Amino acid sequence: ALLRIEERTERQNYYALLEAAGIRAPRAVAGPDAIERLSIVKLPHATRRLERGFFTAASPAEYRAKVDRLVARGTIAAADLAAARIEEYILGPVFNFNYFFSPARPP
């Protein structure tokens, strides 16, 4: 169940978990035409589905230009755009915090 929470397309995804826990998250943008400042578009990579095909755009025109280029390059699939999440881009350190602990191995 935890891995399903990580999928943005699930109804009870990690955004719902963050909201339930009272943890602030970047605001969602309603769609490409609502992009007014730097935003990040989150969707899967076209061929390596566990990878991400994220890109940034600061306007609807930049969004369309990048979509055209990334679809032509095979990085993203046009069919995935309908389920893509667009959210405000928050400046800060880029890092993905993953933690694993196993009591089977001593530290």
Protein backbone atom coordinates (compact mmCIF):
# COMPACT_ATOMS: atom_id res chain seq x y z
CA ALA A 1 0.00 0.00 0.00
CA LEU A 2 2.84 2.41 0.75
CA LEU A 3 4.22 2.10 -2.78
CA ARG A 4 0.79 2.87 -4.24
CA ILE A 5 0.74 6.09 -2.21
CA GLU A 6 3.82 7.20 -4.15
CA GLU A 7 1.90 7.12 -7.44
CA ARG A 8 0.50 10.55 -8.26
CA THR A 9 -2.39 8.98 -10.19
CA GLU A 10 -3.81 7.17 -7.14
CA ARG A 11 -6.71 8.85 -5.33
CA GLN A 12 -5.01 8.42 -1.94
CA ASN A 13 -1.53 9.47 -3.04
CA TYR A 14 1.28 11.06 -1.07
CA TYR A 15 -0.22 14.52 -1.50
CA ALA A 16 -3.28 13.29 0.45
CA LEU A 17 -0.94 11.84 3.08
CA LEU A 18 0.93 15.16 3.40
CA GLU A 19 -2.35 17.05 3.73
CA ALA A 20 -3.67 14.64 6.38
CA ALA A 21 -0.42 15.07 8.34
CA GLY A 22 -0.56 18.86 8.08
CA ILE A 23 2.69 19.03 6.10
CA ARG A 24 2.92 21.91 3.64
CA ALA A 25 3.48 21.03 -0.01
CA PRO A 26 3.83 23.05 -3.22
CA ARG A 27 0.51 24.37 -4.56
CA ALA A 28 -0.99 22.56 -7.54
CA VAL A 29 -1.48 24.48 -10.80
CA ALA A 30 -4.87 23.85 -12.45
CA GLY A 31 -3.41 23.17 -15.90
CA PRO A 32 -0.93 24.37 -18.52
CA ASP A 33 -2.90 27.56 -19.24
CA ALA A 34 -2.81 28.48 -15.53
CA ILE A 35 1.01 28.54 -15.36
CA GLU A 36 1.96 32.07 -14.24
CA ARG A 37 5.42 31.50 -12.77
CA LEU A 38 8.07 28.79 -12.64
CA SER A 39 6.31 25.47 -12.23
CA ILE A 40 7.34 21.82 -12.40
CA VAL A 41 5.44 19.28 -14.46
CA LYS A 42 5.55 15.78 -12.99
CA LEU A 43 4.85 12.73 -15.14
CA PRO A 44 6.52 9.39 -15.85
CA HIS A 45 9.27 8.90 -18.42
CA ALA A 46 7.85 7.62 -21.71
CA THR A 47 9.74 4.31 -21.80
CA ARG A 48 11.29 3.82 -18.36
CA ARG A 49 8.07 4.05 -16.35
CA LEU A 50 9.79 4.05 -12.95
CA GLU A 51 11.83 7.07 -14.02
CA ARG A 52 10.39 10.57 -14.14
CA GLY A 53 9.96 12.84 -17.14
CA PHE A 54 9.84 16.05 -15.08
CA PHE A 55 10.35 19.44 -16.68
CA THR A 56 9.89 23.08 -15.69
CA ALA A 57 7.97 25.85 -17.43
CA ALA A 58 7.25 29.46 -16.50
CA SER A 59 4.41 30.10 -18.97
CA PRO A 60 1.87 28.23 -21.09
CA ALA A 61 3.97 28.94 -24.20
CA GLU A 62 7.11 27.49 -22.60
CA TYR A 63 5.08 24.46 -21.46
CA ARG A 64 3.87 23.79 -25.01
CA ALA A 65 7.35 24.24 -26.51
CA LYS A 66 8.91 21.84 -23.99
CA VAL A 67 6.11 19.29 -24.42
CA ASP A 68 6.63 19.31 -28.20
CA ARG A 69 10.39 18.86 -27.80
CA LEU A 70 10.19 16.15 -25.09
CA VAL A 71 7.51 14.15 -26.94
CA ALA A 72 9.52 14.32 -30.18
CA ARG A 73 12.61 13.17 -28.27
CA GLY A 74 10.72 10.26 -26.69
CA THR A 75 11.29 11.47 -23.13
CA ILE A 76 7.58 11.85 -22.34
CA ALA A 77 4.41 10.45 -23.93
CA ALA A 78 1.62 12.80 -24.98
CA ALA A 79 -0.91 10.37 -23.46
CA ASP A 80 0.62 10.90 -19.99
CA LEU A 81 0.06 14.67 -20.02
CA ALA A 82 -3.60 14.38 -18.99
CA ALA A 83 -2.57 12.83 -15.64
CA ALA A 84 0.54 14.99 -15.13
CA ARG A 85 0.75 17.06 -11.96
CA ILE A 86 1.77 20.68 -12.37
CA GLU A 87 2.81 22.50 -9.22
CA GLU A 88 4.64 25.63 -8.19
CA TYR A 89 8.41 25.19 -8.26
CA ILE A 90 9.98 25.76 -4.85
CA LEU A 91 13.62 26.82 -4.93
CA GLY A 92 15.86 24.90 -2.59
CA PRO A 93 18.32 22.05 -2.50
CA VAL A 94 17.47 19.24 -4.89
CA PHE A 95 17.55 15.98 -3.01
CA ASN A 96 15.51 12.83 -2.69
CA PHE A 97 15.54 11.56 0.87
CA ASN A 98 15.44 7.78 0.94
CA TYR A 99 16.09 5.85 4.12
CA PHE A 100 16.39 2.14 4.68
CA PHE A 101 17.09 0.36 7.95
CA SER A 102 17.35 -3.37 8.45
CA PRO A 103 17.75 -4.96 11.89
CA ALA A 104 19.20 -8.00 10.08
CA ARG A 105 22.52 -6.18 9.65
CA PRO A 106 24.30 -4.47 12.53
CA PRO A 107 25.09 -0.79 11.94
